[in-house]
Amino acid sequence: MVGIETLLKTAKGGFVDVFSPSPPPPDGCYLEGALGIRDHKGKFLGEEYWDDIEPVWWEFIDAVLRFASTGTSTMDFPDMPVSLRLRSHGNGFLRCDVEPWGAGRTHSRKFREGEFIGAVVREGSPRYADCVS
């Protein structure tokens, strides 16, 4: 099962789920946070790539929509030197690559395409329903 979550950075530097009962961050214009992606193997993407979460989600949704129509897409994080790439891997799987710029390494994982896109819709729908429905 694929899980995607939105984490917000707290004033103390920790992270909480966007839907937790904790008070929201003070600045509503710039929400520092992270996009979390996990599966049965554990965390794939998380707090280490925190950024302004609103544009991260917009870019992520756009990348998933491009992937759904073309079988490949790439997005860059707005303020982090990181790219995320989605590619069709055949037999109903997609490959997700996360590449910090200049690091010379890529972190990759295969996901079932339907589970991945379903997780994006579930997590994205409460805030981005017009885009993911």
C-alpha atoms as a PDB file:
ATOM      1  CA  MET A   1       0.000   0.000   0.000  1.00  0.00           C
ATOM      2  CA  VAL A   2       1.296   3.441  -0.922  1.00  0.00           C
ATOM      3  CA  GLY A   3       0.832   6.299   1.510  1.00  0.00           C
ATOM      4  CA  ILE A   4       1.311   9.965   0.759  1.00  0.00           C
ATOM      5  CA  GLU A   5       1.125  12.577   3.471  1.00  0.00           C
ATOM      6  CA  THR A   6       1.587  16.285   3.942  1.00  0.00           C
ATOM      7  CA  LEU A   7       3.813  17.254   6.846  1.00  0.00           C
ATOM      8  CA  LEU A   8       4.106  20.794   8.209  1.00  0.00           C
ATOM      9  CA  LYS A   9       7.261  22.056   9.857  1.00  0.00           C
ATOM     10  CA  THR A  10       6.703  23.281  13.413  1.00  0.00           C
ATOM     11  CA  ALA A  11       8.317  26.284  15.073  1.00  0.00           C
ATOM     12  CA  LYS A  12      10.608  23.867  16.946  1.00  0.00           C
ATOM     13  CA  GLY A  13      11.797  22.228  13.706  1.00  0.00           C
ATOM     14  CA  GLY A  14       9.766  19.040  13.948  1.00  0.00           C
ATOM     15  CA  PHE A  15       7.054  17.908  11.554  1.00  0.00           C
ATOM     16  CA  VAL A  16       3.348  17.160  12.099  1.00  0.00           C
ATOM     17  CA  ASP A  17       0.693  15.832   9.761  1.00  0.00           C
ATOM     18  CA  VAL A  18      -1.272  18.647   8.144  1.00  0.00           C
ATOM     19  CA  PHE A  19      -4.487  17.200   9.593  1.00  0.00           C
ATOM     20  CA  SER A  20      -3.154  16.848  13.159  1.00  0.00           C
ATOM     21  CA  PRO A  21      -4.821  18.841  15.949  1.00  0.00           C
ATOM     22  CA  SER A  22      -1.621  20.873  16.471  1.00  0.00           C
ATOM     23  CA  PRO A  23      -1.939  24.612  15.863  1.00  0.00           C
ATOM     24  CA  PRO A  24      -1.081  25.713  12.319  1.00  0.00           C
ATOM     25  CA  PRO A  25       2.238  27.445  11.603  1.00  0.00           C
ATOM     26  CA  PRO A  26       2.128  31.227  12.121  1.00  0.00           C
ATOM     27  CA  ASP A  27       2.785  32.305   8.518  1.00  0.00           C
ATOM     28  CA  GLY A  28      -0.046  31.159   6.262  1.00  0.00           C
ATOM     29  CA  CYS A  29       1.639  32.516   3.136  1.00  0.00           C
ATOM     30  CA  TYR A  30       4.724  30.328   3.339  1.00  0.00           C
ATOM     31  CA  LEU A  31       4.022  26.915   4.794  1.00  0.00           C
ATOM     32  CA  GLU A  32       7.226  25.004   5.306  1.00  0.00           C
ATOM     33  CA  GLY A  33       6.539  21.335   5.026  1.00  0.00           C
ATOM     34  CA  ALA A  34       7.330  18.069   3.347  1.00  0.00           C
ATOM     35  CA  LEU A  35       5.696  15.612   1.024  1.00  0.00           C
ATOM     36  CA  GLY A  36       5.916  12.140   2.538  1.00  0.00           C
ATOM     37  CA  ILE A  37       5.794   9.010   0.363  1.00  0.00           C
ATOM     38  CA  ARG A  38       5.968   5.524   1.864  1.00  0.00           C
ATOM     39  CA  ASP A  39       5.068   1.936   1.068  1.00  0.00           C
ATOM     40  CA  HIS A  40       5.507  -1.510   2.592  1.00  0.00           C
ATOM     41  CA  LYS A  41       9.297  -1.003   2.518  1.00  0.00           C
ATOM     42  CA  GLY A  42       9.043   2.159   4.621  1.00  0.00           C
ATOM     43  CA  LYS A  43       9.674   5.829   3.986  1.00  0.00           C
ATOM     44  CA  PHE A  44      10.762   6.801   0.489  1.00  0.00           C
ATOM     45  CA  LEU A  45      10.492  10.587   0.694  1.00  0.00           C
ATOM     46  CA  GLY A  46      10.039  12.804   3.727  1.00  0.00           C
ATOM     47  CA  GLU A  47      11.251  15.604   5.945  1.00  0.00           C
ATOM     48  CA  GLU A  48      14.761  15.741   4.479  1.00  0.00           C
ATOM     49  CA  TYR A  49      13.306  17.547   1.445  1.00  0.00           C
ATOM     50  CA  TRP A  50      11.160  20.149   3.191  1.00  0.00           C
ATOM     51  CA  ASP A  51      10.178  23.219   1.226  1.00  0.00           C
ATOM     52  CA  ASP A  52       7.247  25.594   0.723  1.00  0.00           C
ATOM     53  CA  ILE A  53       4.614  22.831   0.715  1.00  0.00           C
ATOM     54  CA  GLU A  54       1.972  24.619  -1.357  1.00  0.00           C
ATOM     55  CA  PRO A  55       4.042  24.849  -4.568  1.00  0.00           C
ATOM     56  CA  VAL A  56       5.482  21.379  -3.901  1.00  0.00           C
ATOM     57  CA  TRP A  57       1.941  19.991  -4.029  1.00  0.00           C
ATOM     58  CA  TRP A  58       1.047  21.971  -7.161  1.00  0.00           C
ATOM     59  CA  GLU A  59       4.192  20.724  -8.925  1.00  0.00           C
ATOM     60  CA  PHE A  60       3.598  17.167  -7.687  1.00  0.00           C
ATOM     61  CA  ILE A  61      -0.002  17.103  -8.949  1.00  0.00           C
ATOM     62  CA  ASP A  62       1.123  18.515 -12.292  1.00  0.00           C
ATOM     63  CA  ALA A  63       3.848  15.846 -12.527  1.00  0.00           C
ATOM     64  CA  VAL A  64       1.364  13.054 -11.748  1.00  0.00           C
ATOM     65  CA  LEU A  65      -1.080  14.373 -14.362  1.00  0.00           C
ATOM     66  CA  ARG A  66       1.712  14.563 -16.974  1.00  0.00           C
ATOM     67  CA  PHE A  67       2.790  11.038 -16.037  1.00  0.00           C
ATOM     68  CA  ALA A  68      -0.792   9.771 -16.434  1.00  0.00           C
ATOM     69  CA  SER A  69      -0.954  11.141 -19.980  1.00  0.00           C
ATOM     70  CA  THR A  70       2.615  10.545 -21.213  1.00  0.00           C
ATOM     71  CA  GLY A  71       4.160   7.857 -18.995  1.00  0.00           C
ATOM     72  CA  THR A  72       6.937  10.158 -17.798  1.00  0.00           C
ATOM     73  CA  SER A  73       7.338  13.467 -15.971  1.00  0.00           C
ATOM     74  CA  THR A  74       9.779  15.444 -13.866  1.00  0.00           C
ATOM     75  CA  MET A  75       9.308  18.108 -11.213  1.00  0.00           C
ATOM     76  CA  ASP A  76      11.752  20.299  -9.335  1.00  0.00           C
ATOM     77  CA  PHE A  77      11.219  21.386  -5.757  1.00  0.00           C
ATOM     78  CA  PRO A  78      10.757  25.180  -5.580  1.00  0.00           C
ATOM     79  CA  ASP A  79      13.549  26.044  -3.118  1.00  0.00           C
ATOM     80  CA  MET A  80      15.491  22.786  -2.804  1.00  0.00           C
ATOM     81  CA  PRO A  81      18.011  21.474  -5.314  1.00  0.00           C
ATOM     82  CA  VAL A  82      16.013  18.274  -5.826  1.00  0.00           C
ATOM     83  CA  SER A  83      14.197  16.701  -8.783  1.00  0.00           C
ATOM     84  CA  LEU A  84      11.516  14.018  -8.669  1.00  0.00           C
ATOM     85  CA  ARG A  85      10.940  11.929 -11.790  1.00  0.00           C
ATOM     86  CA  LEU A  86       8.090   9.513 -12.555  1.00  0.00           C
ATOM     87  CA  ARG A  87       8.466   6.920 -15.313  1.00  0.00           C
ATOM     88  CA  SER A  88       6.371   4.014 -16.472  1.00  0.00           C
ATOM     89  CA  HIS A  89       8.104   0.783 -15.523  1.00  0.00           C
ATOM     90  CA  GLY A  90       5.738  -1.674 -17.255  1.00  0.00           C
ATOM     91  CA  ASN A  91       3.288  -4.239 -15.901  1.00  0.00           C
ATOM     92  CA  GLY A  92       1.327  -1.581 -13.985  1.00  0.00           C
ATOM     93  CA  PHE A  93       4.327  -0.167 -12.114  1.00  0.00           C
ATOM     94  CA  LEU A  94       5.887   3.273 -12.071  1.00  0.00           C
ATOM     95  CA  ARG A  95       9.380   4.182 -10.996  1.00  0.00           C
ATOM     96  CA  CYS A  96       9.893   7.247  -8.837  1.00  0.00           C
ATOM     97  CA  ASP A  97      13.391   8.744  -8.742  1.00  0.00           C
ATOM     98  CA  VAL A  98      14.491  11.466  -6.323  1.00  0.00           C
ATOM     99  CA  GLU A  99      17.728  13.147  -7.296  1.00  0.00           C
ATOM    100  CA  PRO A 100      19.446  15.831  -5.232  1.00  0.00           C
ATOM    101  CA  TRP A 101      21.248  18.062  -7.738  1.00  0.00           C
ATOM    102  CA  GLY A 102      24.984  17.551  -7.902  1.00  0.00           C
ATOM    103  CA  ALA A 103      24.918  14.669  -5.415  1.00  0.00           C
ATOM    104  CA  GLY A 104      25.706  12.060  -8.037  1.00  0.00           C
ATOM    105  CA  ARG A 105      23.131   9.655  -6.631  1.00  0.00           C
ATOM    106  CA  THR A 106      19.488   8.865  -7.231  1.00  0.00           C
ATOM    107  CA  HIS A 107      17.081   7.350  -4.728  1.00  0.00           C
ATOM    108  CA  SER A 108      14.543   5.155  -6.584  1.00  0.00           C
ATOM    109  CA  ARG A 109      11.574   2.959  -5.829  1.00  0.00           C
ATOM    110  CA  LYS A 110       8.932   1.151  -7.873  1.00  0.00           C
ATOM    111  CA  PHE A 111       5.260   1.554  -6.944  1.00  0.00           C
ATOM    112  CA  ARG A 112       2.079   0.055  -8.321  1.00  0.00           C
ATOM    113  CA  GLU A 113       0.782   2.810 -10.585  1.00  0.00           C
ATOM    114  CA  GLY A 114      -2.853   2.578  -9.439  1.00  0.00           C
ATOM    115  CA  GLU A 115      -1.897   2.620  -5.754  1.00  0.00           C
ATOM    116  CA  PHE A 116       0.427   5.587  -6.228  1.00  0.00           C
ATOM    117  CA  ILE A 117      -2.095   7.700  -8.141  1.00  0.00           C
ATOM    118  CA  GLY A 118      -4.862   6.658  -5.715  1.00  0.00           C
ATOM    119  CA  ALA A 119      -2.732   7.849  -2.795  1.00  0.00           C
ATOM    120  CA  VAL A 120      -2.162  11.202  -4.517  1.00  0.00           C
ATOM    121  CA  VAL A 121      -5.923  11.612  -4.992  1.00  0.00           C
ATOM    122  CA  ARG A 122      -6.680  10.655  -1.359  1.00  0.00           C
ATOM    123  CA  GLU A 123      -4.116  13.010   0.158  1.00  0.00           C
ATOM    124  CA  GLY A 124      -4.488  15.796  -2.388  1.00  0.00           C
ATOM    125  CA  SER A 125      -8.296  15.876  -2.552  1.00  0.00           C
ATOM    126  CA  PRO A 126      -8.948  17.716   0.739  1.00  0.00           C
ATOM    127  CA  ARG A 127      -6.956  20.738  -0.487  1.00  0.00           C
ATOM    128  CA  TYR A 128      -6.603  20.327  -4.243  1.00  0.00           C
ATOM    129  CA  ALA A 129      -9.882  18.650  -5.225  1.00  0.00           C
ATOM    130  CA  ASP A 130     -10.298  20.564  -8.480  1.00  0.00           C
ATOM    131  CA  CYS A 131      -6.955  19.279  -9.775  1.00  0.00           C
ATOM    132  CA  VAL A 132      -6.968  15.636  -8.680  1.00  0.00           C
ATOM    133  CA  SER A 133     -10.600  14.642  -9.206  1.00  0.00           C
END
